[in-house]
Protein backbone atom coordinates (compact mmCIF):
# COMPACT_ATOMS: atom_id res chain seq x y z
CA UNK A 1 72.41 74.62 156.49
CA UNK A 2 73.02 75.74 153.02
CA UNK A 3 76.40 76.25 151.48
CA UNK A 4 78.38 79.74 152.25
CA UNK A 5 79.15 81.80 149.37
CA UNK A 6 80.78 85.38 148.78
CA UNK A 7 78.68 88.42 148.75
CA UNK A 8 79.20 92.15 148.38
CA UNK A 9 77.47 94.81 150.49
CA UNK A 10 77.44 98.33 148.96
CA UNK A 11 77.37 101.38 151.39
CA UNK A 12 77.89 105.10 151.47
CA UNK A 13 81.38 106.66 151.82
CA UNK A 14 82.45 106.75 155.51
CA UNK A 15 80.08 103.91 156.74
CA UNK A 16 82.24 100.96 155.67
CA UNK A 17 83.68 100.19 159.22
CA UNK A 18 80.09 100.36 160.56
CA UNK A 19 78.85 97.85 158.01
CA UNK A 20 81.58 95.78 158.66
CA UNK A 21 80.76 95.71 162.41
CA UNK A 22 77.17 95.01 161.63
CA UNK A 23 78.01 92.29 159.45
CA UNK A 24 80.16 90.74 162.06
CA UNK A 25 77.43 91.13 164.63
CA UNK A 26 75.00 89.40 162.27
CA UNK A 27 77.27 86.37 161.85
CA UNK A 28 79.09 87.00 158.53
CA UNK A 29 82.51 85.22 157.94
CA UNK A 30 85.73 86.42 155.78
CA UNK A 31 84.72 90.16 155.95
CA UNK A 32 86.99 92.57 154.17
CA UNK A 33 86.49 96.30 153.77
CA UNK A 34 86.53 98.06 150.45
CA UNK A 35 85.68 101.63 149.30
CA UNK A 36 81.85 102.08 149.73
CA UNK A 37 81.57 98.29 150.13
CA UNK A 38 82.27 95.19 152.38
CA UNK A 39 82.73 91.71 151.09
CA UNK A 40 81.86 88.75 153.20
CA UNK A 41 80.43 85.16 153.16
CA UNK A 42 77.33 83.55 154.30
CA UNK A 43 74.54 81.22 153.38
CA UNK A 44 71.27 82.01 151.64
CA UNK A 45 69.46 82.55 155.04
CA UNK A 46 72.22 84.86 155.90
CA UNK A 47 71.54 86.69 152.70
CA UNK A 48 68.20 87.29 153.80
CA UNK A 49 69.22 88.50 157.16
CA UNK A 50 71.47 91.28 155.90
CA UNK A 51 68.73 92.57 153.60
CA UNK A 52 66.41 92.72 156.54
CA UNK A 53 68.48 93.78 159.27
CA UNK A 54 71.47 96.03 158.05
CA UNK A 55 70.95 99.66 158.64
CA UNK A 56 74.05 100.65 156.52
CA UNK A 57 73.93 98.41 153.53
CA UNK A 58 72.54 99.77 150.28
CA UNK A 59 72.69 96.77 148.17
CA UNK A 60 73.66 93.07 148.79
CA UNK A 61 75.07 91.45 145.64
CA UNK A 62 75.71 87.85 145.05
CA UNK A 63 78.46 87.59 142.34
CA UNK A 64 77.84 84.49 139.95
CA UNK A 65 80.70 84.65 137.97
CA UNK A 66 83.75 86.99 136.67
CA UNK A 67 85.99 87.17 133.64
CA UNK A 68 88.55 89.09 131.68
CA UNK A 69 87.12 91.28 128.83
CA UNK A 70 88.79 93.70 126.56
CA UNK A 71 86.14 94.52 124.02
CA UNK A 72 82.21 94.99 123.93
CA UNK A 73 82.27 91.92 121.89
CA UNK A 74 84.02 89.83 124.71
CA UNK A 75 81.40 91.11 127.17
CA UNK A 76 78.47 90.00 124.90
CA UNK A 77 80.02 86.62 124.29
CA UNK A 78 80.66 85.91 128.10
CA UNK A 79 77.30 87.10 129.15
CA UNK A 80 75.42 85.25 126.57
CA UNK A 81 77.40 81.89 127.81
CA UNK A 82 75.87 82.25 131.36
CA UNK A 83 72.88 80.08 131.89
CA UNK A 84 70.39 82.62 132.53
CA UNK A 85 67.47 80.34 132.44
CA UNK A 86 68.50 78.98 135.78
CA UNK A 87 68.11 82.38 137.43
CA UNK A 88 64.80 83.59 135.66
CA UNK A 89 61.99 82.64 133.14
CA UNK A 90 62.00 83.81 129.68
CA UNK A 91 58.51 85.39 130.39
CA UNK A 92 60.11 87.49 133.37
CA UNK A 93 61.46 90.81 133.47
CA UNK A 94 65.10 92.09 134.03
CA UNK A 95 67.04 95.18 134.97
CA UNK A 96 70.80 95.86 134.60
CA UNK A 97 72.99 98.10 136.57
CA UNK A 98 76.39 98.68 135.43
CA UNK A 99 79.41 100.44 137.07
CA UNK A 100 82.61 101.04 135.06
CA UNK A 101 86.20 101.95 135.98
CA UNK A 102 88.05 101.26 133.02
CA UNK A 103 90.07 102.78 129.93
CA UNK A 104 88.73 100.01 127.65
CA UNK A 105 84.93 100.84 128.61
CA UNK A 106 83.75 104.21 129.40
CA UNK A 107 79.93 104.13 129.04
CA UNK A 108 78.19 102.24 131.90
CA UNK A 109 74.78 102.72 130.02
CA UNK A 110 76.12 101.09 126.97
CA UNK A 111 77.64 98.28 128.88
CA UNK A 112 74.11 97.70 130.67
CA UNK A 113 72.54 97.65 127.25
CA UNK A 114 75.11 95.24 125.63
CA UNK A 115 74.51 92.89 128.58
CA UNK A 116 70.74 93.02 128.36
CA UNK A 117 70.91 92.25 124.63
CA UNK A 118 73.17 89.10 125.34
CA UNK A 119 70.79 87.88 127.93
CA UNK A 120 67.61 88.59 125.73
CA UNK A 121 69.33 86.89 122.74
CA UNK A 122 70.21 83.89 124.54
CA UNK A 123 66.48 83.50 125.71
CA UNK A 124 65.32 84.04 122.09
CA UNK A 125 67.80 81.63 120.66
CA UNK A 126 67.01 78.92 123.14
CA UNK A 127 63.48 79.25 123.92
CA UNK A 128 61.92 81.48 121.26
CA UNK A 129 60.74 83.87 123.61
CA UNK A 130 62.51 86.72 125.42
CA UNK A 131 62.33 88.64 128.88
CA UNK A 132 61.12 92.10 129.10
CA UNK A 133 63.09 94.97 130.59
CA UNK A 134 61.41 96.45 133.72
CA UNK A 135 63.51 98.99 135.59
CA UNK A 136 61.17 99.36 138.80
CA UNK A 137 60.04 95.87 139.74
CA UNK A 138 62.11 93.34 137.51
CA UNK A 139 61.89 89.64 138.17
CA UNK A 140 65.78 89.76 138.19
CA UNK A 141 68.08 92.81 138.73
CA UNK A 142 71.59 92.21 137.54
CA UNK A 143 74.69 94.10 138.46
CA UNK A 144 77.75 94.43 136.14
CA UNK A 145 81.04 95.77 137.75
CA UNK A 146 83.89 96.36 135.30
CA UNK A 147 87.21 97.22 137.00
CA UNK A 148 89.84 97.85 134.18
CA UNK A 149 89.54 94.64 132.34
CA UNK A 150 87.95 92.34 134.91
CA UNK A 151 84.18 92.08 134.75
CA UNK A 152 82.04 90.62 137.78
CA UNK A 153 78.53 89.58 137.08
CA UNK A 154 76.18 89.64 140.26
CA UNK A 155 72.49 89.11 141.00
CA UNK A 156 71.03 92.03 143.01
CA UNK A 157 69.49 90.34 146.11
CA UNK A 158 67.95 93.63 147.44
CA UNK A 159 66.08 94.98 144.46
CA UNK A 160 65.42 98.59 145.14
CA UNK A 161 68.12 100.23 147.10
CA UNK A 162 67.77 99.18 150.94
CA UNK A 163 67.59 102.99 151.72
CA UNK A 164 64.02 102.74 150.90
CA UNK A 165 62.78 101.33 153.97
CA UNK A 166 59.18 101.48 153.14
CA UNK A 167 57.99 103.83 155.94
CA UNK A 168 58.11 107.22 154.06
CA UNK A 169 54.70 108.13 152.67
CA UNK A 170 55.70 111.72 151.79
CA UNK A 171 58.95 113.23 151.21
CA UNK A 172 59.73 116.72 152.46
CA UNK A 173 62.36 119.02 150.69
CA UNK A 174 65.76 117.71 150.78
CA UNK A 175 65.21 114.43 152.70
CA UNK A 176 68.32 112.71 154.16
CA UNK A 177 69.04 109.34 152.93
CA UNK A 178 67.69 106.62 155.64
CA UNK A 179 71.11 104.69 155.35
CA UNK A 180 73.21 107.96 155.90
CA UNK A 181 70.72 108.89 158.69
CA UNK A 182 71.05 105.43 160.48
CA UNK A 183 75.00 105.84 159.86
CA UNK A 184 75.31 109.14 161.38
CA UNK A 185 73.48 107.94 164.55
CA UNK A 186 75.53 104.98 164.81
CA UNK A 187 78.60 107.09 164.27
CA UNK A 188 77.55 109.47 166.82
CA UNK A 189 77.67 106.56 169.55
CA UNK A 190 73.94 106.67 170.48
CA UNK A 191 72.10 103.37 170.75
CA UNK A 192 69.32 104.11 173.08
CA UNK A 193 71.29 105.18 176.34
CA UNK A 194 69.53 108.45 176.78
CA UNK A 195 67.09 111.00 175.60
CA UNK A 196 67.37 111.75 171.59
CA UNK A 197 66.53 115.00 169.80
CA UNK A 198 66.29 116.36 166.26
CA UNK A 199 65.62 119.97 166.63
CA UNK A 200 65.24 120.41 162.75
CA UNK A 201 63.59 116.89 161.96
CA UNK A 202 62.13 117.69 158.53
CA UNK A 203 60.14 114.48 157.54
CA UNK A 204 61.57 112.68 160.53
CA UNK A 205 63.92 110.37 158.97
CA UNK A 206 66.52 110.75 161.80
CA UNK A 207 64.02 110.25 164.35
CA UNK A 208 62.49 107.13 162.93
CA UNK A 209 66.04 105.47 162.32
CA UNK A 210 66.95 106.38 166.06
CA UNK A 211 63.74 104.72 167.26
CA UNK A 212 64.63 101.52 165.28
CA UNK A 213 67.96 101.58 166.61
CA UNK A 214 66.85 102.07 170.13
CA UNK A 215 64.25 99.31 169.95
CA UNK A 216 66.45 96.84 167.70
CA UNK A 217 63.74 96.80 165.23
CA UNK A 218 64.88 95.40 161.70
CA UNK A 219 65.09 98.58 159.52
CA UNK A 220 63.77 96.93 156.48
CA UNK A 221 60.71 95.20 158.21
CA UNK A 222 58.36 97.68 156.30
CA UNK A 223 59.55 97.19 152.82
CA UNK A 224 57.23 95.73 150.20
CA UNK A 225 59.74 93.37 148.52
CA UNK A 226 63.49 92.41 148.21
CA UNK A 227 64.96 91.30 144.99
CA UNK A 228 65.52 87.79 145.96
CA UNK A 229 61.73 87.28 146.56
CA UNK A 230 61.18 86.75 142.74
CA UNK A 231 64.44 84.36 142.49
CA UNK A 232 63.46 80.68 141.43
CA UNK A 233 65.31 79.48 144.52
CA UNK A 234 63.51 81.77 147.00
CA UNK A 235 62.69 79.82 150.34
CA UNK A 236 59.67 81.79 151.84
CA UNK A 237 59.68 79.29 155.05
CA UNK A 238 63.38 80.20 155.55
CA UNK A 239 62.81 83.92 155.20
CA UNK A 240 59.98 83.72 157.68
CA UNK A 241 62.23 81.95 160.22
CA UNK A 242 64.83 84.62 159.67
CA UNK A 243 62.28 87.34 160.05
CA UNK A 244 60.65 85.74 163.24
CA UNK A 245 64.31 85.45 164.77
CA UNK A 246 65.02 89.20 164.15
CA UNK A 247 61.78 90.31 165.71
CA UNK A 248 62.26 88.20 168.73
CA UNK A 249 65.42 90.67 169.54
CA UNK A 250 63.22 93.92 169.48
CA UNK A 251 63.48 95.40 172.82
CA UNK A 252 61.84 97.93 174.99
CA UNK A 253 63.15 101.72 175.21
CA UNK A 254 62.84 103.83 178.36
CA UNK A 255 64.03 107.35 177.28
CA UNK A 256 62.39 109.97 175.20
CA UNK A 257 62.99 110.50 171.41
CA UNK A 258 61.64 113.98 170.28
CA UNK A 259 62.04 116.35 167.49
CA UNK A 260 60.72 119.71 166.09
CA UNK A 261 60.74 121.84 163.07
CA UNK A 262 59.61 125.45 162.34
CA UNK A 263 57.70 123.98 159.05
CA UNK A 264 54.24 122.95 159.87
CA UNK A 265 53.99 120.89 156.77
CA UNK A 266 57.25 118.96 157.61
CA UNK A 267 56.12 118.19 161.13
CA UNK A 268 52.58 116.72 159.46
CA UNK A 269 54.73 114.65 157.10
CA UNK A 270 57.21 113.31 159.89
CA UNK A 271 54.01 112.32 162.00
CA UNK A 272 52.60 110.44 158.95
CA UNK A 273 56.13 108.68 158.19
CA UNK A 274 56.32 107.89 161.91
CA UNK A 275 52.96 106.33 162.02
CA UNK A 276 53.55 104.36 159.03
CA UNK A 277 56.75 102.92 160.71
CA UNK A 278 54.62 102.09 163.83
CA UNK A 279 56.70 104.11 165.93
CA UNK A 280 54.48 106.88 167.07
CA UNK A 281 54.50 105.57 170.88
CA UNK A 282 58.27 106.16 170.76
CA UNK A 283 58.60 109.59 169.16
CA UNK A 284 57.20 113.06 169.95
CA UNK A 285 57.07 115.95 167.39
CA UNK A 286 56.07 119.49 167.51
CA UNK A 287 56.32 122.61 165.49
CA UNK A 288 58.57 124.59 167.35
CA UNK A 289 61.73 127.08 166.59
CA UNK A 290 64.95 125.50 167.80
CA UNK A 291 66.39 128.94 168.52
CA UNK A 292 63.96 129.56 171.15
CA UNK A 293 63.94 126.30 172.85
CA UNK A 294 66.00 124.64 175.71
CA UNK A 295 66.47 121.20 177.08
CA UNK A 296 64.55 119.68 179.95
CA UNK A 297 66.79 120.04 183.14
CA UNK A 298 68.31 117.16 184.80
CA UNK A 299 68.23 114.75 181.79
CA UNK A 300 71.13 113.71 179.73
CA UNK A 301 70.50 114.50 175.90
CA UNK A 302 71.98 113.33 172.64
CA UNK A 303 71.19 115.47 169.67
CA UNK A 304 71.74 114.74 165.99
CA UNK A 305 70.28 117.07 163.17
CA UNK A 306 70.81 117.93 159.49
CA UNK A 307 70.49 121.85 159.29
CA UNK A 308 69.81 123.57 155.87
CA UNK A 309 73.11 123.95 153.95
CA UNK A 310 71.68 126.67 151.73
CA UNK A 311 71.80 124.18 148.72
CA UNK A 312 68.27 122.62 148.28
CA UNK A 313 66.71 124.55 151.09
CA UNK A 314 67.63 128.25 150.95
CA UNK A 315 68.23 130.31 154.12
CA UNK A 316 68.15 134.16 153.99
CA UNK A 317 71.40 134.65 156.03
CA UNK A 318 72.83 131.17 156.21
CA UNK A 319 75.91 132.60 158.49
CA UNK A 320 73.68 134.09 160.99
CA UNK A 321 71.38 131.01 160.86
CA UNK A 322 74.71 128.88 161.78
CA UNK A 323 75.75 131.40 164.43
CA UNK A 324 72.30 131.07 165.86
CA UNK A 325 72.84 127.13 166.21
CA UNK A 326 76.00 127.90 168.36
CA UNK A 327 74.24 130.46 170.56
CA UNK A 328 71.13 128.07 171.26
CA UNK A 329 73.54 125.25 172.01
CA UNK A 330 75.43 127.49 174.51
CA UNK A 331 72.39 129.12 176.05
CA UNK A 332 69.95 126.30 176.29
CA UNK A 333 71.79 122.85 175.90
CA UNK A 334 74.29 122.48 178.59
CA UNK A 335 75.04 118.67 179.13
CA UNK A 336 74.21 117.72 175.52
CA UNK A 337 76.35 115.77 173.03
CA UNK A 338 75.21 117.58 169.75
CA UNK A 339 76.13 116.34 166.40
CA UNK A 340 75.23 117.78 163.02
CA UNK A 341 76.10 117.14 159.52
CA UNK A 342 76.47 120.02 157.05
CA UNK A 343 78.15 120.61 153.45
CA UNK A 344 78.31 124.27 154.15
CA UNK A 345 82.00 124.65 155.43
CA UNK A 346 81.91 128.30 155.36
CA UNK A 347 78.48 128.48 157.50
CA UNK A 348 80.04 125.98 159.75
CA UNK A 349 82.71 128.41 160.97
CA UNK A 350 80.07 130.76 162.14
CA UNK A 351 78.57 128.18 164.83
CA UNK A 352 81.35 129.69 167.08
CA UNK A 353 82.10 126.42 168.86
CA UNK A 354 85.22 123.98 168.43
CA UNK A 355 83.98 120.56 167.15
CA UNK A 356 85.56 117.68 169.28
CA UNK A 357 85.12 115.58 166.19
CA UNK A 358 84.90 115.90 162.53
CA UNK A 359 84.04 112.86 160.25
CA UNK A 360 83.92 113.19 156.26
CA UNK A 361 80.75 111.81 154.61
CA UNK A 362 78.82 112.65 151.74
CA UNK A 363 75.09 113.49 151.55
CA UNK A 364 74.12 112.68 148.07
CA UNK A 365 76.80 114.17 145.94
CA UNK A 366 77.84 116.88 148.50
CA UNK A 367 80.79 116.34 150.65
CA UNK A 368 79.96 117.00 154.15
CA UNK A 369 81.35 117.06 157.50
CA UNK A 370 79.71 115.32 160.62
CA UNK A 371 80.57 117.49 163.69
CA UNK A 372 80.36 116.90 167.32
CA UNK A 373 80.08 119.83 169.91
CA UNK A 374 80.14 118.65 173.49
CA UNK A 375 78.10 121.21 175.54
CA UNK A 376 79.39 120.72 179.24
CA UNK A 377 77.62 121.47 182.37
CA UNK A 378 79.06 124.88 183.38
CA UNK A 379 82.26 125.90 181.97
CA UNK A 380 85.16 123.22 181.51
CA UNK A 381 87.60 125.68 182.94
CA UNK A 382 86.93 127.51 186.32
CA UNK A 383 85.40 130.75 185.13
CA UNK A 384 87.73 133.83 186.17
CA UNK A 385 86.12 135.79 188.78
């Protein structure tokens, strides 16, 4: 086995505990929870495994060095001294992402540029040629993190953000991020123990993530590439061993997953995306208005949905719309655990049901609440005669 080293997995606000739990189950050691990130230790094979199997990680970074800096000149010198030729060829390509929390440095774009200059200059001085910049598919993606005057330099083992699972052919309006969708399902406590429904399914992201959770399918199986695949030390045989082991853990699912939407275009796109993820046998989708629907009798149902917020998708009367959600749940969905996420706190009041849980999350930049409504069979109290 290879040596263990420290890594940092980034995630979305509110999913840190879930990510730590995932890392623990996958076999990480020395797990520490931060804000929007979790640090942990593992070997190279484990780095491959987290990228392939984590549902809630957005990036997996491998720190290579850290140092103190007070000026841009310090940054340039320290970056220049790193033996970049060990990590890439002069004829390769690079991209630099920077995040900055510091009074000394305020412009992340400029920090990224200064880093790129130092790397390129080192190659030019040592080898007479220089790597190009390629923001989409670089040979090496580098992450610079500056906290006050501490700079951490990491290699980005994921490449493009891990929410880009590779199954979406077409986006609908206001699609939910795949990592957020998986996180919501996991926070809701559903893992395949009963029927699952998304009554406003849009492009089918929540349904797809639910099917992958139920069947224990690695979420990033459909991706074209990970960042580590272009590293000089990439071990393709080891990666295949990791992938085979993950695929052996895939399991059968014996309940129904179904979704609907009033928008025929969204329904068609959802079907395409689900087919692309090879999950058509598990998910049924139809064009239907939730407000005139009801649940199948005698079956336990878990519902997760992302209704319009009147932000990116406008709704004529958002308050009436949310009031209708509450009425439909009361009328047609007794015996259902219903979870929904919204950033429209005003409209949420019009649902007319008391949530039994509220969890703060962000959908993109929008502060949102994930709420649970427990729809009991009959009344909780004896109805007064």
